[in-house]
Protein backbone atom coordinates (compact mmCIF):
# COMPACT_ATOMS: atom_id res chain seq x y z
CA MET A 1 78.18 65.98 -3.77
CA THR A 2 76.93 69.54 -4.26
CA PHE A 3 78.38 72.67 -2.71
CA PRO A 4 76.57 76.02 -2.85
CA LEU A 5 79.55 78.33 -3.40
CA ARG A 6 81.74 77.58 -6.44
CA TYR A 7 84.31 79.61 -8.27
CA LEU A 8 86.32 78.64 -11.36
CA LEU A 9 90.05 79.21 -11.12
CA THR A 10 92.97 78.47 -13.36
CA ILE A 11 96.08 76.91 -11.88
CA THR A 12 98.81 77.14 -14.48
CA ALA A 13 97.19 75.27 -17.39
CA ALA A 14 94.45 73.40 -15.53
CA THR A 15 91.05 74.68 -14.48
CA ILE A 16 89.75 73.79 -11.03
CA VAL A 17 86.62 74.55 -9.07
CA PHE A 18 86.95 76.08 -5.59
CA ALA A 19 84.09 75.61 -3.15
CA ALA A 20 83.26 76.41 0.43
CA THR A 21 80.54 75.15 2.71
CA GLY A 22 79.38 76.95 5.80
CA SER A 23 75.95 78.51 5.83
CA ALA A 24 73.70 80.46 3.53
CA GLN A 25 75.32 83.59 4.93
CA THR A 26 78.87 82.57 4.02
CA VAL A 27 80.34 84.69 1.22
CA ILE A 28 83.63 83.84 -0.45
CA LEU A 29 85.62 87.02 -1.04
CA THR A 30 88.71 85.46 -2.64
CA PRO A 31 89.06 83.59 -4.87
CA ASN A 32 86.03 84.98 -6.65
CA GLY A 33 86.50 83.43 -10.09
CA GLY A 34 88.81 83.86 -13.02
CA GLU A 35 92.05 84.07 -11.04
CA THR A 36 95.17 82.46 -12.41
CA LEU A 37 97.12 80.84 -9.58
CA VAL A 38 100.59 79.29 -9.59
CA ALA A 39 101.01 75.72 -8.36
CA GLY A 40 103.06 75.61 -5.16
CA ALA A 41 102.40 79.26 -4.29
CA SER A 42 100.53 80.38 -1.19
CA TYR A 43 97.15 81.99 -1.78
CA SER A 44 94.86 83.49 0.85
CA ALA A 45 91.28 82.27 0.59
CA THR A 46 89.04 84.79 2.38
CA TRP A 47 85.38 84.82 3.33
CA GLN A 48 82.76 86.40 5.55
CA SER A 49 80.43 84.22 7.58
CA GLN A 50 77.78 85.37 10.00
CA SER A 51 76.24 82.14 11.22
CA ALA A 52 78.66 79.26 10.56
CA ASP A 53 81.01 77.82 13.18
CA GLN A 54 83.13 75.86 10.71
CA ILE A 55 83.87 76.27 7.03
CA ARG A 56 85.12 73.57 4.67
CA LEU A 57 87.29 74.66 1.76
CA LEU A 58 87.44 72.23 -1.15
CA TYR A 59 88.62 72.08 -4.73
CA SER A 60 87.91 69.90 -7.73
CA ALA A 61 90.24 69.45 -10.69
CA ASP A 62 87.63 67.59 -12.78
CA GLY A 63 84.65 69.93 -12.85
CA GLY A 64 83.09 68.71 -9.61
CA GLU A 65 83.20 64.92 -9.96
CA VAL A 66 85.78 64.43 -7.20
CA TRP A 67 86.38 66.95 -4.40
CA SER A 68 89.57 67.35 -2.35
CA LEU A 69 89.52 68.94 1.08
CA ILE A 70 91.76 71.97 1.47
CA ALA A 71 90.84 72.61 5.11
CA GLU A 72 88.08 72.61 7.67
CA THR A 73 88.60 75.68 9.81
CA ASP A 74 86.97 78.15 12.16
CA ALA A 75 84.60 80.27 10.07
CA SER A 76 85.18 83.37 12.19
CA SER A 77 88.86 83.56 11.14
CA GLY A 78 87.85 84.71 7.65
CA THR A 79 91.07 83.58 5.99
CA TYR A 80 93.10 80.50 5.17
CA ALA A 81 96.56 80.40 3.56
CA TRP A 82 96.25 77.71 0.90
CA THR A 83 99.21 76.16 -0.90
CA VAL A 84 97.96 75.84 -4.46
CA PRO A 85 98.18 72.20 -5.64
CA ASN A 86 99.77 71.04 -8.87
CA VAL A 87 96.80 69.71 -10.85
CA ALA A 88 98.31 69.68 -14.35
């Protein structure tokens, strides 16, 4: 499975990949790569989308082999409060 928008994040000691699907005009604002997040904490994923109705937020703890759905939400909202998983 391939997703066009990917950003590497660090959650405590583990590295995960964050991805979003929507349209070619969907831009992830946060996370934008390199962040260190704390497992169990709330983090606001934000984006801008001009032509998508829905956006799927996903993460992978194994470099993209297996993806876990964070949420499928209305793209026009532009934000989703994500509880960071424990992936260590």
